[in-house]
Amino acid sequence: FLSIGEMFLPKLLWFGLLLQILPAFAFVGGPPTNTIRRHTTLSSSVEEKATATESPKASPYDRFDYNAHWYPVIWINELRLREPTKVTVFDVDYVVAKISDTEVVALVDKCPHKAAALSQGRMTASGKFQCAYHGWSFDGKSGQCAEIPQIVKPDGSMPPVVPQKSCAKAVPAQVHQSMVWLFPGGGLEEALKSPPPPTVKEADELGFGISTAMREMPVDWPIVVSNIYDADHGLFAHQAKPFDMYSASKDYPLKITESFPDN
């Protein structure tokens, strides 16, 4: 029979050896000694350098904020005066209304009361968006709740303070070269910091005509952009000669001839 000391001695030796090996590893709960802490720091530094080396170079598009830009949503002549109309940008619905041929207002298409679509409502005589569900009205420029019929005082006035949660979310909107543009990435202050909508200089010249059209396609927008920039497919896929004007090459250069009537 082995004595108690003989039985536990091998285990104590293994335990001592284990204490010598453990400092080479990083402890999740924090190292108990300075020696282990130095090993842990070295190990972490090596891992960080390895991660930095293996990770691909970050692209500037990784930090691109798609919402922080102006987007065309509809031709101004497609809107009826003071009639709410729904448009969509990146799967978010907005309600826009034409105040005049040069002015539009827009809100997120959701009433803060019961989340009803404001585009299903109407514009009041004072130019406010009015929800068709309970009649709440909102200012198109600020989103401020202008009227709640259920709490209007006998004299027709509203309480002096309306909770912020009762207000709709306004979206910067403008008319530029016959198109309505929205800025979904924040308020007017943020919109002014971003580049303005692009301008086609010729469109402002006398005698330059604009032919408006709209086509809805149930596909993601990058597919449409890719198709539009793919000029080489037009002549073959559509069998239309006008597409040949985009098919010039070094060997077959494009020739343009201009002619003007005598008058």
Protein backbone atom coordinates (compact mmCIF):
# COMPACT_ATOMS: atom_id res chain seq x y z
CA PHE A 1 0.00 0.00 0.00
CA LEU A 2 1.13 3.55 -0.78
CA SER A 3 1.29 6.15 1.93
CA ILE A 4 -0.80 9.33 1.67
CA GLY A 5 2.33 11.34 0.77
CA GLU A 6 3.26 8.90 -2.01
CA MET A 7 -0.28 9.10 -3.45
CA PHE A 8 -0.42 12.89 -3.61
CA LEU A 9 3.19 13.62 -4.55
CA PRO A 10 2.80 12.93 -8.31
CA LYS A 11 -0.32 15.15 -8.36
CA LEU A 12 1.55 17.96 -6.62
CA LEU A 13 4.36 17.69 -9.15
CA TRP A 14 1.91 17.93 -12.04
CA PHE A 15 0.23 20.91 -10.35
CA GLY A 16 3.60 22.66 -10.03
CA LEU A 17 4.39 21.97 -13.68
CA LEU A 18 0.98 23.35 -14.65
CA LEU A 19 1.74 26.59 -12.81
CA GLN A 20 4.90 26.94 -14.89
CA ILE A 21 2.99 26.45 -18.17
CA LEU A 22 -0.09 28.59 -17.52
CA PRO A 23 1.72 31.97 -17.70
CA ALA A 24 2.22 31.38 -21.41
CA PHE A 25 -1.55 31.66 -21.99
CA ALA A 26 -3.93 34.58 -21.70
CA PHE A 27 -6.45 34.39 -18.87
CA VAL A 28 -10.01 35.41 -19.65
CA GLY A 29 -10.72 36.55 -16.11
CA GLY A 30 -7.51 38.58 -15.75
CA PRO A 31 -4.00 37.41 -14.79
CA PRO A 32 -3.30 36.94 -11.06
CA THR A 33 0.45 37.78 -11.19
CA ASN A 34 2.73 40.29 -12.90
CA THR A 35 4.54 37.49 -14.72
CA ILE A 36 1.33 36.21 -16.28
CA ARG A 37 0.27 39.78 -17.11
CA ARG A 38 3.45 40.33 -19.14
CA HIS A 39 2.87 37.14 -21.10
CA THR A 40 -0.75 38.09 -21.67
CA THR A 41 0.20 41.54 -22.99
CA LEU A 42 2.74 40.04 -25.38
CA SER A 43 0.23 37.47 -26.60
CA SER A 44 -2.44 40.14 -27.17
CA SER A 45 -0.01 42.35 -29.09
CA VAL A 46 0.93 39.49 -31.39
CA GLU A 47 -2.72 38.64 -31.98
CA GLU A 48 -3.56 42.28 -32.75
CA LYS A 49 -0.72 42.52 -35.28
CA ALA A 50 -1.82 39.26 -36.91
CA THR A 51 -5.40 40.49 -37.14
CA ALA A 52 -4.33 43.81 -38.62
CA THR A 53 -2.18 42.00 -41.18
CA GLU A 54 -4.86 39.51 -42.19
CA SER A 55 -7.80 41.94 -42.39
CA PRO A 56 -8.44 43.38 -45.87
CA LYS A 57 -7.87 47.05 -46.53
CA ALA A 58 -10.95 49.09 -45.63
CA SER A 59 -12.77 50.62 -48.58
CA PRO A 60 -14.00 54.24 -48.44
CA TYR A 61 -17.41 52.86 -49.41
CA ASP A 62 -17.54 51.00 -46.09
CA ARG A 63 -18.05 54.38 -44.43
CA PHE A 64 -20.36 55.77 -47.14
CA ASP A 65 -23.66 56.99 -45.71
CA TYR A 66 -26.26 56.48 -48.40
CA ASN A 67 -28.87 58.46 -46.47
CA ALA A 68 -26.72 61.59 -46.33
CA HIS A 69 -27.44 62.56 -49.93
CA TRP A 70 -30.25 64.05 -52.02
CA TYR A 71 -32.35 61.62 -54.05
CA PRO A 72 -34.82 62.30 -56.89
CA VAL A 73 -38.18 60.70 -56.13
CA ILE A 74 -40.73 62.06 -58.59
CA TRP A 75 -41.21 64.65 -61.32
CA ILE A 76 -42.88 67.81 -60.04
CA ASN A 77 -45.53 67.60 -62.76
CA GLU A 78 -46.53 64.17 -61.46
CA LEU A 79 -47.77 65.77 -58.23
CA ARG A 80 -51.17 67.40 -57.89
CA LEU A 81 -51.38 70.61 -55.92
CA ARG A 82 -51.81 69.97 -52.17
CA GLU A 83 -52.39 66.24 -52.62
CA PRO A 84 -50.36 63.79 -50.44
CA THR A 85 -48.36 61.31 -52.51
CA LYS A 86 -46.28 58.37 -51.30
CA VAL A 87 -42.72 57.84 -52.50
CA THR A 88 -40.11 55.36 -51.29
CA VAL A 89 -36.36 55.67 -50.75
CA PHE A 90 -34.36 52.64 -49.53
CA ASP A 91 -37.52 50.83 -48.36
CA VAL A 92 -38.69 53.82 -46.29
CA ASP A 93 -41.99 55.44 -47.27
CA TYR A 94 -42.37 59.23 -47.36
CA VAL A 95 -45.33 61.48 -48.10
CA VAL A 96 -44.73 64.52 -50.30
CA ALA A 97 -47.04 67.34 -51.35
CA LYS A 98 -46.69 70.16 -53.85
CA ILE A 99 -47.32 73.58 -52.37
CA SER A 100 -46.43 75.33 -55.64
CA ASP A 101 -44.45 74.54 -58.79
CA THR A 102 -41.28 75.45 -56.92
CA GLU A 103 -42.03 74.27 -53.37
CA VAL A 104 -42.68 70.86 -51.84
CA VAL A 105 -42.89 69.48 -48.29
CA ALA A 106 -42.27 65.94 -47.06
CA LEU A 107 -42.67 63.77 -43.96
CA VAL A 108 -41.99 60.15 -43.09
CA ASP A 109 -45.22 58.45 -44.14
CA LYS A 110 -46.26 57.41 -40.66
CA CYS A 111 -48.54 59.13 -38.17
CA PRO A 112 -46.95 59.07 -34.69
CA HIS A 113 -50.34 58.27 -33.15
CA LYS A 114 -51.27 54.88 -34.64
CA ALA A 115 -48.68 54.58 -37.44
CA ALA A 116 -51.30 55.15 -40.16
CA ALA A 117 -49.98 56.24 -43.57
CA LEU A 118 -50.22 60.01 -43.91
CA SER A 119 -50.29 59.57 -47.68
CA GLN A 120 -53.77 58.10 -47.22
CA GLY A 121 -54.92 61.36 -45.64
CA ARG A 122 -55.35 64.88 -47.00
CA MET A 123 -53.99 68.42 -46.90
CA THR A 124 -55.92 70.92 -44.79
CA ALA A 125 -56.88 74.42 -45.93
CA SER A 126 -53.90 75.75 -43.97
CA GLY A 127 -51.51 73.41 -45.82
CA LYS A 128 -51.02 70.76 -43.11
CA PHE A 129 -50.83 67.00 -43.59
CA GLN A 130 -53.90 65.47 -41.91
CA CYS A 131 -54.09 61.81 -40.95
CA ALA A 132 -57.24 60.06 -42.19
CA TYR A 133 -57.49 57.93 -39.02
CA HIS A 134 -58.02 60.43 -36.17
CA GLY A 135 -57.50 63.75 -37.92
CA TRP A 136 -54.16 64.68 -36.40
CA SER A 137 -52.50 67.42 -38.48
CA PHE A 138 -48.79 68.12 -38.99
CA ASP A 139 -46.74 70.95 -40.41
CA GLY A 140 -45.01 69.74 -43.56
CA LYS A 141 -41.78 71.66 -42.97
CA SER A 142 -41.17 70.91 -39.29
CA GLY A 143 -43.35 67.87 -38.56
CA GLN A 144 -44.82 69.76 -35.60
CA CYS A 145 -48.24 68.51 -34.53
CA ALA A 146 -50.57 71.38 -35.40
CA GLU A 147 -53.92 69.96 -34.36
CA ILE A 148 -55.45 67.03 -32.49
CA PRO A 149 -59.24 67.28 -32.88
CA GLN A 150 -59.91 65.27 -29.73
CA ILE A 151 -58.20 67.84 -27.47
CA VAL A 152 -58.99 71.11 -29.24
CA LYS A 153 -60.38 73.69 -26.81
CA PRO A 154 -63.87 75.19 -27.29
CA ASP A 155 -62.29 78.34 -28.69
CA GLY A 156 -60.54 76.24 -31.38
CA SER A 157 -57.05 76.53 -29.89
CA MET A 158 -54.61 73.74 -29.05
CA PRO A 159 -52.85 73.22 -25.69
CA PRO A 160 -49.71 75.40 -25.48
CA VAL A 161 -47.36 72.41 -25.30
CA VAL A 162 -47.61 69.36 -27.57
CA PRO A 163 -45.34 66.40 -26.64
CA GLN A 164 -42.49 65.76 -29.07
CA LYS A 165 -43.62 62.15 -29.46
CA SER A 166 -46.84 63.50 -30.99
CA CYS A 167 -44.92 65.11 -33.87
CA ALA A 168 -44.20 63.60 -37.27
CA LYS A 169 -40.70 63.40 -38.77
CA ALA A 170 -40.01 66.08 -41.37
CA VAL A 171 -37.65 65.43 -44.27
CA PRO A 172 -35.80 68.14 -46.24
CA ALA A 173 -37.31 68.42 -49.72
CA GLN A 174 -36.78 70.66 -52.72
CA VAL A 175 -37.58 71.07 -56.41
CA HIS A 176 -34.54 71.05 -58.67
CA GLN A 177 -34.71 71.04 -62.46
CA SER A 178 -38.31 69.82 -62.50
CA MET A 179 -37.66 66.95 -60.07
CA VAL A 180 -38.55 66.52 -56.41
CA TRP A 181 -35.54 65.64 -54.26
CA LEU A 182 -35.51 64.28 -50.69
CA PHE A 183 -32.73 64.13 -48.12
CA PRO A 184 -33.46 61.12 -45.84
CA GLY A 185 -30.31 61.49 -43.72
CA GLY A 186 -31.43 64.09 -41.18
CA GLY A 187 -32.77 67.62 -40.82
CA LEU A 188 -32.12 70.77 -42.80
CA GLU A 189 -28.82 71.42 -41.02
CA GLU A 190 -27.42 68.07 -42.16
CA ALA A 191 -28.79 68.57 -45.65
CA LEU A 192 -26.98 71.89 -46.02
CA LYS A 193 -23.68 70.17 -45.16
CA SER A 194 -24.06 67.66 -47.99
CA PRO A 195 -23.52 68.25 -51.71
CA PRO A 196 -26.60 69.71 -53.45
CA PRO A 197 -28.50 67.76 -56.10
CA PRO A 198 -26.50 67.45 -59.32
CA THR A 199 -27.27 69.93 -62.08
CA VAL A 200 -27.52 69.35 -65.82
CA LYS A 201 -26.43 72.78 -67.07
CA GLU A 202 -28.03 72.38 -70.49
CA ALA A 203 -31.44 71.85 -68.86
CA ASP A 204 -31.47 75.50 -67.79
CA GLU A 205 -30.60 76.82 -71.23
CA LEU A 206 -33.21 78.45 -73.42
CA GLY A 207 -34.61 76.04 -75.96
CA PHE A 208 -33.54 72.91 -74.10
CA GLY A 209 -36.46 70.49 -73.73
CA ILE A 210 -37.06 67.90 -71.01
CA SER A 211 -39.09 64.78 -71.67
CA THR A 212 -40.34 63.35 -68.37
CA ALA A 213 -41.08 59.68 -67.83
CA MET A 214 -41.38 57.28 -64.93
CA ARG A 215 -41.14 53.51 -64.91
CA GLU A 216 -41.51 51.28 -61.88
CA MET A 217 -39.44 48.10 -61.80
CA PRO A 218 -39.59 45.54 -58.96
CA VAL A 219 -35.81 45.15 -58.68
CA ASP A 220 -33.06 46.53 -56.49
CA TRP A 221 -31.63 49.86 -57.67
CA PRO A 222 -28.02 48.65 -58.33
CA ILE A 223 -29.39 46.34 -61.03
CA VAL A 224 -31.09 49.27 -62.76
CA VAL A 225 -27.96 51.43 -62.55
CA SER A 226 -25.86 48.61 -63.99
CA ASN A 227 -28.31 48.22 -66.85
CA ILE A 228 -28.34 51.94 -67.67
CA TYR A 229 -24.55 52.17 -67.75
CA ASP A 230 -24.30 49.06 -69.93
CA ALA A 231 -24.57 50.85 -73.26
CA ASP A 232 -23.36 47.91 -75.32
CA HIS A 233 -26.47 45.82 -74.70
CA GLY A 234 -28.89 48.34 -76.22
CA LEU A 235 -28.40 47.76 -79.93
CA PHE A 236 -28.42 43.97 -79.59
CA ALA A 237 -31.08 43.44 -76.90
CA HIS A 238 -33.52 46.18 -77.95
CA GLN A 239 -32.82 46.07 -81.71
CA ALA A 240 -33.18 49.87 -81.80
CA LYS A 241 -30.87 52.00 -83.95
CA PRO A 242 -30.73 54.97 -81.53
CA PHE A 243 -28.67 52.79 -79.19
CA ASP A 244 -25.97 52.69 -81.87
CA MET A 245 -24.95 56.22 -80.87
CA TYR A 246 -23.39 54.74 -77.71
CA SER A 247 -21.48 51.98 -79.52
CA ALA A 248 -18.51 53.94 -80.85
CA SER A 249 -14.97 52.61 -80.49
CA LYS A 250 -11.43 53.54 -81.47
CA ASP A 251 -11.79 51.71 -84.78
CA TYR A 252 -15.31 52.98 -85.39
CA PRO A 253 -15.46 56.51 -83.98
CA LEU A 254 -18.72 58.29 -83.44
CA LYS A 255 -19.56 61.06 -85.90
CA ILE A 256 -22.12 63.72 -84.97
CA THR A 257 -23.68 66.04 -87.55
CA GLU A 258 -25.69 69.08 -86.51
CA SER A 259 -28.15 70.82 -88.80
CA PHE A 260 -30.38 73.83 -88.23
CA PRO A 261 -33.47 75.01 -90.14
CA ASP A 262 -33.13 78.23 -92.11
CA ASN A 263 -35.43 80.11 -89.74
